Amino acid sequence: MTWSEALTQLQLALGAPEELAWLAEAIAYFIGAFVLVNLSLVLALILIWITRKVVSRIQDRIGPNRVGPFGLFQTVADALKLLSKEDITPANADKIAYALAPIFSVFPVLMTVAVITFAPNFVGVDLNIGVLYLVALGSIGIMAALMAGWSSNNKYALLAGFRVVAQLLSYEIPMVLAMLAPVLLVGTMRTQELANAQSLYIGPVNLGLGWFVFLLPGAFLIYFIAALAESEQTPFDLLEAESELIAGFHIEYSGMRFAMFFLAQFLNTFFLGAIAVMLFLGSWQGPFADQIPLLGPIYFLAKVFFMYVVVQWIRGTFPRVRIDQMMSFAWKVLVPLVLFLILAQMILMKLPWPANFGWVGYLLILAANLGAVAVVLRVLGKHIRTEEVRTKRAFEPKSLIGVMAPVSPAGD
């Protein structure tokens, strides 16, 4: 029995008339949506605190430690500060698009929760096109950032808005194709069935370790890198490159409208990690998760928070790549590789393997993925090493060398 059916049956047991069962079901869905949305908003405060703590430790700092135990209430104080700030709209802004952009940035992120599988039979709506639903929501956030940059009537915001089209749309292609790999493997887009397919039984015991990442490491790595770009995280945080664009597409926003962009970024990073856990890391699957239902959500949240901490570790460690490197990496490396992986997987899965040798196809799929991992790591390492040795002056003005007369010694 699903959670919505359980809530509906509870209302009927408490005296709701049978002819109003449809209303009881609607109330059950409203309660579920209300709980998930509000938990997501509270979750953002925890995520900001984790980011500050992890990055500060990496940079040999302490981080927030004054307001509340371990500085836990610091983000609450920051939220109250943003609530009290004046909301300013530029005089020449496109006011309708300017006002709608923050809403459109948060809306798709919160809607993502609807198809996330937290535990066995615990998913908001088990859509038969769940993965396609997630893909469709991603385009709304891109539109929101572009609307914010265009409507602000600010050249820096407009430039960042153009970068949205270049970066997010470019990296959405390999990310979507990487999400297709586990869908092809199982033959469904239902997130609940994708989670169930990652079980691993030894006799009657489900160890829950049949994760797709062991068979599809290349698709997982491509998804993870593209998700870093989609969530505007280092080394792909060029939409908010302070040294070039001041603060990016939301430079003209203040108060709660800026807070909504801030909220969307942190929640988007978390939920992109949740999608990676659902598709590649077993979702709620783990040892004895079937026998002890409480273990399911514990395993799921532990994996997602681990993914979030890894993203913050990358944020505090690696340098930002240049815009040309970023675009070249997307179109010349990730897109061809993920197309090769999907094509190889489709061919190998459709070949008429004998019953006793079907495992050979899976080994070949794994070999193709390992080759993709090697290529991606080699190219990324080359870019990162280039940035580490690059000086502050990226070029030498050789045309000016020797033009200026040497300074004569004092007294001449």
Protein backbone atom coordinates (compact mmCIF):
# COMPACT_ATOMS: atom_id res chain seq x y z
CA MET A 1 0.00 0.00 0.00
CA THR A 2 1.33 3.44 -0.94
CA TRP A 3 1.40 6.42 1.41
CA SER A 4 -1.48 8.16 -0.42
CA GLU A 5 -3.67 5.05 -0.20
CA ALA A 6 -2.85 4.75 3.51
CA LEU A 7 -3.86 8.39 4.18
CA THR A 8 -7.06 7.96 2.16
CA GLN A 9 -8.01 4.79 4.06
CA LEU A 10 -7.29 6.56 7.34
CA GLN A 11 -9.73 9.36 6.48
CA LEU A 12 -12.40 6.83 5.51
CA ALA A 13 -11.82 4.94 8.75
CA LEU A 14 -12.25 8.17 10.70
CA GLY A 15 -15.74 8.66 9.27
CA ALA A 16 -15.37 10.24 5.82
CA PRO A 17 -18.27 9.10 3.56
CA GLU A 18 -17.48 6.57 0.83
CA GLU A 19 -18.99 8.78 -1.88
CA LEU A 20 -16.36 11.44 -1.06
CA ALA A 21 -13.42 9.06 -1.43
CA TRP A 22 -12.13 11.25 -4.29
CA LEU A 23 -11.99 14.23 -1.92
CA ALA A 24 -10.17 12.17 0.70
CA GLU A 25 -7.60 11.18 -1.95
CA ALA A 26 -7.16 14.83 -2.97
CA ILE A 27 -6.63 15.81 0.69
CA ALA A 28 -4.05 13.02 1.04
CA TYR A 29 -2.10 14.34 -1.95
CA PHE A 30 -2.32 17.89 -0.62
CA ILE A 31 -0.92 16.80 2.76
CA GLY A 32 1.93 14.93 1.05
CA ALA A 33 2.80 17.89 -1.20
CA PHE A 34 2.64 20.31 1.75
CA VAL A 35 4.98 18.17 3.85
CA LEU A 36 7.51 17.58 1.04
CA VAL A 37 7.64 21.25 -0.03
CA ASN A 38 8.10 22.55 3.51
CA LEU A 39 10.72 19.93 4.31
CA SER A 40 12.58 21.02 1.16
CA LEU A 41 12.54 24.65 2.32
CA VAL A 42 13.94 23.66 5.74
CA LEU A 43 16.45 21.41 4.01
CA ALA A 44 17.94 24.44 2.23
CA LEU A 45 19.01 25.91 5.59
CA ILE A 46 20.85 22.68 6.43
CA LEU A 47 22.50 22.56 3.00
CA ILE A 48 23.84 26.10 3.33
CA TRP A 49 25.28 25.25 6.75
CA ILE A 50 26.94 22.09 5.34
CA THR A 51 28.43 24.10 2.47
CA ARG A 52 29.91 26.68 4.81
CA LYS A 53 31.34 24.07 7.15
CA VAL A 54 32.83 21.83 4.45
CA VAL A 55 34.38 24.64 2.41
CA SER A 56 35.72 26.37 5.53
CA ARG A 57 37.43 23.17 6.72
CA ILE A 58 38.98 22.69 3.28
CA GLN A 59 40.28 26.27 3.39
CA ASP A 60 41.56 25.88 6.98
CA ARG A 61 38.81 28.03 8.49
CA ILE A 62 36.22 27.35 11.18
CA GLY A 63 33.00 28.45 9.51
CA PRO A 64 29.84 29.52 11.37
CA ASN A 65 30.13 28.64 15.06
CA ARG A 66 28.54 31.50 17.02
CA VAL A 67 24.77 31.49 16.42
CA GLY A 68 23.35 28.33 17.95
CA PRO A 69 25.14 25.01 18.54
CA PHE A 70 27.84 24.52 15.90
CA GLY A 71 26.50 27.64 14.15
CA LEU A 72 23.32 25.84 13.05
CA PHE A 73 21.15 28.93 13.46
CA GLN A 74 23.42 31.15 11.35
CA THR A 75 21.47 30.30 8.18
CA VAL A 76 18.21 31.04 10.01
CA ALA A 77 19.56 34.48 10.89
CA ASP A 78 20.60 35.02 7.26
CA ALA A 79 17.11 34.02 6.08
CA LEU A 80 15.50 36.51 8.47
CA LYS A 81 17.91 39.18 7.23
CA LEU A 82 16.89 38.53 3.62
CA LEU A 83 13.21 38.69 4.61
CA SER A 84 13.75 42.14 6.12
CA LYS A 85 15.70 43.60 3.18
CA GLU A 86 14.08 46.06 0.80
CA ASP A 87 12.83 44.59 -2.47
CA ILE A 88 14.06 46.88 -5.26
CA THR A 89 12.94 46.73 -8.90
CA PRO A 90 15.09 48.63 -11.45
CA ALA A 91 13.23 51.49 -13.10
CA ASN A 92 13.78 50.26 -16.67
CA ALA A 93 13.32 46.54 -15.98
CA ASP A 94 10.72 44.39 -17.68
CA LYS A 95 8.67 44.14 -14.51
CA ILE A 96 6.56 41.07 -15.36
CA ALA A 97 9.51 38.91 -16.44
CA TYR A 98 11.60 40.35 -13.60
CA ALA A 99 9.01 39.29 -11.02
CA LEU A 100 8.34 35.84 -12.51
CA ALA A 101 11.99 34.76 -12.89
CA PRO A 102 12.61 33.95 -9.17
CA ILE A 103 9.36 31.98 -9.03
CA PHE A 104 10.25 29.96 -12.12
CA SER A 105 13.69 29.22 -10.64
CA VAL A 106 12.25 27.62 -7.47
CA PHE A 107 9.15 26.00 -8.97
CA PRO A 108 10.83 23.20 -11.00
CA VAL A 109 13.22 22.35 -8.17
CA LEU A 110 10.37 21.80 -5.72
CA MET A 111 8.39 19.84 -8.33
CA THR A 112 11.32 17.43 -8.59
CA VAL A 113 10.41 15.98 -5.19
CA ALA A 114 7.24 14.48 -6.67
CA VAL A 115 9.02 11.52 -8.32
CA ILE A 116 11.90 10.92 -5.91
CA THR A 117 11.80 7.46 -4.32
CA PHE A 118 12.69 7.88 -0.65
CA ALA A 119 11.80 4.31 0.38
CA PRO A 120 9.94 1.23 -0.93
CA ASN A 121 6.50 2.39 -2.15
CA PHE A 122 7.24 5.88 -0.82
CA VAL A 123 7.24 8.19 -3.83
CA GLY A 124 5.09 11.25 -4.35
CA VAL A 125 3.68 10.15 -7.72
CA ASP A 126 4.89 6.98 -9.44
CA LEU A 127 4.69 8.38 -12.99
CA ASN A 128 5.27 6.01 -15.88
CA ILE A 129 7.37 8.80 -17.46
CA GLY A 130 9.16 9.81 -14.25
CA VAL A 131 12.60 10.29 -15.85
CA LEU A 132 11.11 12.28 -18.74
CA TYR A 133 9.28 14.42 -16.17
CA LEU A 134 12.62 15.26 -14.52
CA VAL A 135 14.13 16.18 -17.89
CA ALA A 136 11.22 18.50 -18.68
CA LEU A 137 11.54 20.35 -15.36
CA GLY A 138 15.19 21.16 -16.07
CA SER A 139 14.30 23.46 -18.98
CA ILE A 140 12.17 25.70 -16.75
CA GLY A 141 15.14 26.67 -14.57
CA ILE A 142 17.14 27.60 -17.66
CA MET A 143 14.31 29.83 -18.83
CA ALA A 144 14.14 31.49 -15.39
CA ALA A 145 17.82 32.46 -15.44
CA LEU A 146 17.52 33.82 -18.97
CA MET A 147 14.41 35.81 -18.00
CA ALA A 148 16.23 37.29 -15.00
CA GLY A 149 19.22 38.36 -17.08
CA TRP A 150 17.15 39.82 -19.91
CA SER A 151 14.58 41.64 -17.79
CA SER A 152 17.07 43.28 -15.39
CA ASN A 153 18.23 45.83 -18.00
CA ASN A 154 21.83 45.33 -16.85
CA LYS A 155 24.66 44.43 -19.21
CA TYR A 156 26.32 42.09 -16.71
CA ALA A 157 23.04 40.29 -16.01
CA LEU A 158 22.35 40.08 -19.75
CA LEU A 159 25.80 38.62 -20.41
CA ALA A 160 25.22 36.01 -17.73
CA GLY A 161 21.81 35.29 -19.24
CA PHE A 162 23.46 34.52 -22.56
CA ARG A 163 25.86 32.23 -20.75
CA VAL A 164 22.82 30.36 -19.45
CA VAL A 165 21.86 29.42 -22.99
CA ALA A 166 25.43 28.41 -23.81
CA GLN A 167 26.28 26.46 -20.64
CA LEU A 168 23.09 24.93 -19.28
CA LEU A 169 21.63 23.87 -22.61
CA SER A 170 24.99 22.43 -23.70
CA TYR A 171 25.44 20.34 -20.56
CA GLU A 172 21.80 19.30 -20.43
CA ILE A 173 22.34 17.19 -23.56
CA PRO A 174 24.96 14.81 -22.10
CA MET A 175 23.13 14.75 -18.77
CA VAL A 176 19.84 13.66 -20.35
CA LEU A 177 21.56 11.04 -22.51
CA ALA A 178 23.42 9.69 -19.46
CA MET A 179 20.07 9.38 -17.65
CA LEU A 180 18.90 7.27 -20.58
CA ALA A 181 21.48 4.53 -19.88
CA PRO A 182 19.73 2.99 -16.81
CA VAL A 183 16.34 3.51 -18.51
CA LEU A 184 17.50 1.37 -21.44
CA LEU A 185 18.90 -1.23 -19.06
CA VAL A 186 15.62 -1.70 -17.17
CA GLY A 187 13.16 -0.76 -19.91
CA THR A 188 11.10 1.71 -17.86
CA MET A 189 11.02 5.37 -16.85
CA ARG A 190 9.32 4.72 -13.50
CA THR A 191 11.68 5.81 -10.74
CA GLN A 192 10.24 3.20 -8.35
CA GLU A 193 10.95 0.35 -10.78
CA LEU A 194 14.45 1.71 -11.47
CA ALA A 195 15.09 1.56 -7.72
CA ASN A 196 13.67 -1.95 -7.43
CA ALA A 197 15.87 -3.15 -10.30
CA GLN A 198 19.03 -2.34 -8.32
CA SER A 199 18.52 -5.08 -5.75
CA LEU A 200 21.00 -7.94 -5.27
CA TYR A 201 19.70 -11.15 -3.74
CA ILE A 202 21.91 -13.83 -2.23
CA GLY A 203 19.41 -16.51 -1.40
CA PRO A 204 16.43 -14.90 0.36
CA VAL A 205 18.47 -11.88 1.55
CA ASN A 206 18.53 -8.68 -0.48
CA LEU A 207 21.89 -6.96 -0.05
CA GLY A 208 20.66 -4.04 -2.17
CA LEU A 209 24.04 -3.59 -3.86
CA GLY A 210 23.11 -4.15 -7.49
CA TRP A 211 23.77 -0.49 -8.24
CA PHE A 212 23.94 0.53 -11.88
CA VAL A 213 27.11 2.54 -11.23
CA PHE A 214 29.06 -0.75 -11.17
CA LEU A 215 27.90 -1.52 -14.72
CA LEU A 216 27.59 2.05 -16.05
CA PRO A 217 30.45 4.04 -14.44
CA GLY A 218 30.98 6.10 -17.60
CA ALA A 219 27.34 7.18 -17.78
CA PHE A 220 27.43 8.02 -14.06
CA LEU A 221 30.58 10.15 -14.41
CA ILE A 222 29.16 12.02 -17.41
CA TYR A 223 25.90 12.65 -15.52
CA PHE A 224 27.79 13.85 -12.44
CA ILE A 225 29.96 16.30 -14.40
CA ALA A 226 26.96 17.62 -16.33
CA ALA A 227 25.04 17.97 -13.06
CA LEU A 228 27.87 20.13 -11.68
CA ALA A 229 27.40 22.44 -14.66
CA GLU A 230 23.60 22.37 -14.40
CA SER A 231 23.73 23.34 -10.71
CA GLU A 232 26.32 26.06 -11.44
CA GLN A 233 28.96 24.52 -9.19
CA THR A 234 32.74 24.74 -9.42
CA PRO A 235 34.50 24.30 -11.81
CA PHE A 236 31.54 25.33 -14.01
CA ASP A 237 30.24 28.29 -11.98
CA LEU A 238 30.79 30.75 -14.83
CA LEU A 239 27.21 32.05 -14.66
CA GLU A 240 28.13 33.72 -11.37
CA ALA A 241 31.79 34.51 -12.02
CA GLU A 242 32.22 37.49 -9.71
CA SER A 243 35.46 38.58 -11.35
CA GLU A 244 33.72 38.88 -14.73
CA LEU A 245 30.00 39.36 -14.13
CA ILE A 246 29.82 40.81 -10.57
CA ALA A 247 27.16 38.29 -9.45
CA GLY A 248 25.65 36.91 -12.62
CA PHE A 249 22.10 37.03 -13.89
CA HIS A 250 20.61 37.96 -10.48
CA ILE A 251 22.80 41.03 -9.85
CA GLU A 252 19.80 43.40 -9.78
CA TYR A 253 17.77 41.27 -7.34
CA SER A 254 17.57 41.91 -3.60
CA GLY A 255 15.66 40.68 -0.58
CA MET A 256 13.53 37.58 -0.96
CA ARG A 257 13.74 37.56 -4.75
CA PHE A 258 17.50 37.06 -4.50
CA ALA A 259 16.90 34.50 -1.73
CA MET A 260 14.71 32.48 -4.11
CA PHE A 261 17.59 32.18 -6.61
CA PHE A 262 19.87 31.26 -3.72
CA LEU A 263 17.36 28.66 -2.52
CA ALA A 264 16.95 27.18 -6.00
CA GLN A 265 20.71 26.74 -6.46
CA PHE A 266 21.24 24.81 -3.24
CA LEU A 267 18.14 22.65 -3.63
CA ASN A 268 18.96 21.99 -7.28
CA THR A 269 22.41 20.71 -6.29
CA PHE A 270 20.85 18.43 -3.68
CA PHE A 271 18.12 17.04 -5.94
CA LEU A 272 20.47 16.47 -8.87
CA GLY A 273 22.44 14.34 -6.41
CA ALA A 274 19.19 12.60 -5.46
CA ILE A 275 18.55 11.81 -9.13
CA ALA A 276 22.06 10.36 -9.40
CA VAL A 277 21.34 8.19 -6.35
CA MET A 278 18.03 7.01 -7.83
CA LEU A 279 19.45 6.14 -11.24
CA PHE A 280 22.94 4.87 -10.42
CA LEU A 281 23.47 4.34 -6.67
CA GLY A 282 20.55 2.09 -5.76
CA SER A 283 18.13 4.72 -4.43
CA TRP A 284 16.89 3.33 -1.09
CA GLN A 285 18.48 -0.09 -1.73
CA GLY A 286 20.89 -1.38 0.87
CA PRO A 287 21.49 -4.39 3.14
CA PHE A 288 18.20 -5.54 4.75
CA ALA A 289 16.26 -2.52 3.44
CA ASP A 290 13.42 -4.86 2.44
CA GLN A 291 13.22 -6.49 5.86
CA ILE A 292 13.56 -3.25 7.89
CA PRO A 293 11.58 -0.48 6.13
CA LEU A 294 13.18 2.27 8.21
CA LEU A 295 16.56 1.55 6.62
CA GLY A 296 15.32 2.59 3.16
CA PRO A 297 15.07 6.36 3.76
CA ILE A 298 18.23 6.25 5.93
CA TYR A 299 20.23 4.69 3.09
CA PHE A 300 18.76 7.11 0.55
CA LEU A 301 19.47 10.27 2.56
CA ALA A 302 22.96 9.06 3.51
CA LYS A 303 23.84 8.57 -0.17
CA VAL A 304 22.38 11.93 -1.23
CA PHE A 305 24.14 13.87 1.54
CA PHE A 306 27.39 12.08 0.64
CA MET A 307 26.95 13.23 -2.96
CA TYR A 308 26.31 16.78 -1.75
CA VAL A 309 29.47 16.80 0.38
CA VAL A 310 31.49 15.54 -2.61
CA VAL A 311 30.16 18.46 -4.67
CA GLN A 312 31.23 20.90 -1.93
CA TRP A 313 34.64 19.24 -1.76
CA ILE A 314 35.04 19.87 -5.49
CA ARG A 315 33.81 23.44 -4.95
CA GLY A 316 36.50 24.14 -2.38
CA THR A 317 39.31 22.38 -4.23
CA PHE A 318 39.30 22.80 -8.01
CA PRO A 319 39.82 26.01 -10.00
CA ARG A 320 37.23 27.47 -12.34
CA VAL A 321 37.71 26.53 -15.99
CA ARG A 322 37.56 29.07 -18.80
CA ILE A 323 34.44 29.51 -20.90
CA ASP A 324 36.14 28.12 -24.01
CA GLN A 325 37.37 25.05 -22.11
CA MET A 326 33.89 24.49 -20.68
CA MET A 327 32.13 24.62 -24.05
CA SER A 328 34.81 22.57 -25.77
CA PHE A 329 34.59 19.90 -23.06
CA ALA A 330 30.80 19.65 -23.43
CA TRP A 331 30.57 19.43 -27.21
CA LYS A 332 33.86 17.75 -28.11
CA VAL A 333 34.16 15.27 -25.23
CA LEU A 334 30.96 14.61 -23.28
CA VAL A 335 28.42 14.63 -26.11
CA PRO A 336 30.37 12.27 -28.44
CA LEU A 337 31.24 9.96 -25.54
CA VAL A 338 27.70 9.65 -24.21
CA LEU A 339 26.35 9.10 -27.74
CA PHE A 340 28.92 6.33 -28.18
CA LEU A 341 27.93 4.77 -24.85
CA ILE A 342 24.20 4.83 -25.60
CA LEU A 343 24.72 3.46 -29.12
CA ALA A 344 27.02 0.68 -27.88
CA GLN A 345 24.59 -0.22 -25.09
CA MET A 346 21.61 -0.40 -27.47
CA ILE A 347 23.49 -2.61 -29.94
CA LEU A 348 24.87 -4.94 -27.26
CA MET A 349 21.48 -5.31 -25.59
CA LYS A 350 19.75 -6.19 -28.88
CA LEU A 351 22.28 -8.76 -30.05
CA PRO A 352 20.94 -12.35 -29.89
CA TRP A 353 23.24 -13.62 -27.15
CA PRO A 354 22.98 -17.32 -26.25
CA ALA A 355 21.35 -17.99 -22.90
CA ASN A 356 24.64 -19.00 -21.30
CA PHE A 357 26.60 -16.04 -22.64
CA GLY A 358 24.29 -13.10 -22.00
CA TRP A 359 26.75 -11.83 -19.41
CA VAL A 360 29.28 -11.14 -22.18
CA GLY A 361 27.13 -8.24 -23.40
CA TYR A 362 27.14 -6.70 -19.92
CA LEU A 363 30.93 -7.05 -19.73
CA LEU A 364 31.25 -5.24 -23.05
CA ILE A 365 28.94 -2.46 -21.80
CA LEU A 366 31.16 -2.15 -18.73
CA ALA A 367 34.29 -2.03 -20.91
CA ALA A 368 32.81 0.79 -23.02
CA ASN A 369 31.96 2.74 -19.85
CA LEU A 370 35.43 2.28 -18.41
CA GLY A 371 36.91 3.62 -21.65
CA ALA A 372 34.66 6.68 -21.36
CA VAL A 373 35.81 7.22 -17.76
CA ALA A 374 39.46 7.15 -18.87
CA VAL A 375 38.86 9.72 -21.62
CA VAL A 376 36.89 12.08 -19.38
CA LEU A 377 39.46 11.97 -16.57
CA ARG A 378 42.33 12.53 -19.00
CA VAL A 379 40.74 15.61 -20.58
CA LEU A 380 39.63 17.05 -17.23
CA GLY A 381 43.06 16.53 -15.74
CA LYS A 382 44.64 18.36 -18.66
CA HIS A 383 42.34 21.37 -18.20
CA ILE A 384 42.88 21.50 -14.43
CA ARG A 385 46.68 21.27 -14.76
CA THR A 386 46.55 24.10 -17.30
CA GLU A 387 44.68 26.31 -14.84
CA GLU A 388 47.04 25.48 -11.97
CA VAL A 389 50.16 26.63 -13.81
CA ARG A 390 48.56 29.59 -15.59
CA THR A 391 49.81 32.91 -14.22
CA LYS A 392 47.60 35.90 -13.48
CA ARG A 393 48.62 37.37 -16.83
CA ALA A 394 47.47 34.76 -19.31
CA PHE A 395 49.51 36.28 -22.13
CA GLU A 396 52.69 38.25 -22.62
CA PRO A 397 52.38 41.45 -24.66
CA LYS A 398 55.43 40.62 -26.78
CA SER A 399 54.66 43.48 -29.15
CA LEU A 400 55.46 45.93 -26.32
CA ILE A 401 58.67 44.29 -25.16
CA GLY A 402 61.61 46.57 -25.82
CA VAL A 403 59.47 49.53 -26.85
CA MET A 404 59.82 51.52 -23.64
CA ALA A 405 63.20 53.11 -23.04
CA PRO A 406 65.10 51.71 -20.06
CA VAL A 407 65.09 53.75 -16.88
CA SER A 408 68.43 55.51 -16.43
CA PRO A 409 70.31 55.15 -13.14
CA ALA A 410 69.71 57.81 -10.51
CA GLY A 411 71.84 60.91 -11.04
CA ASP A 412 72.25 60.49 -14.83
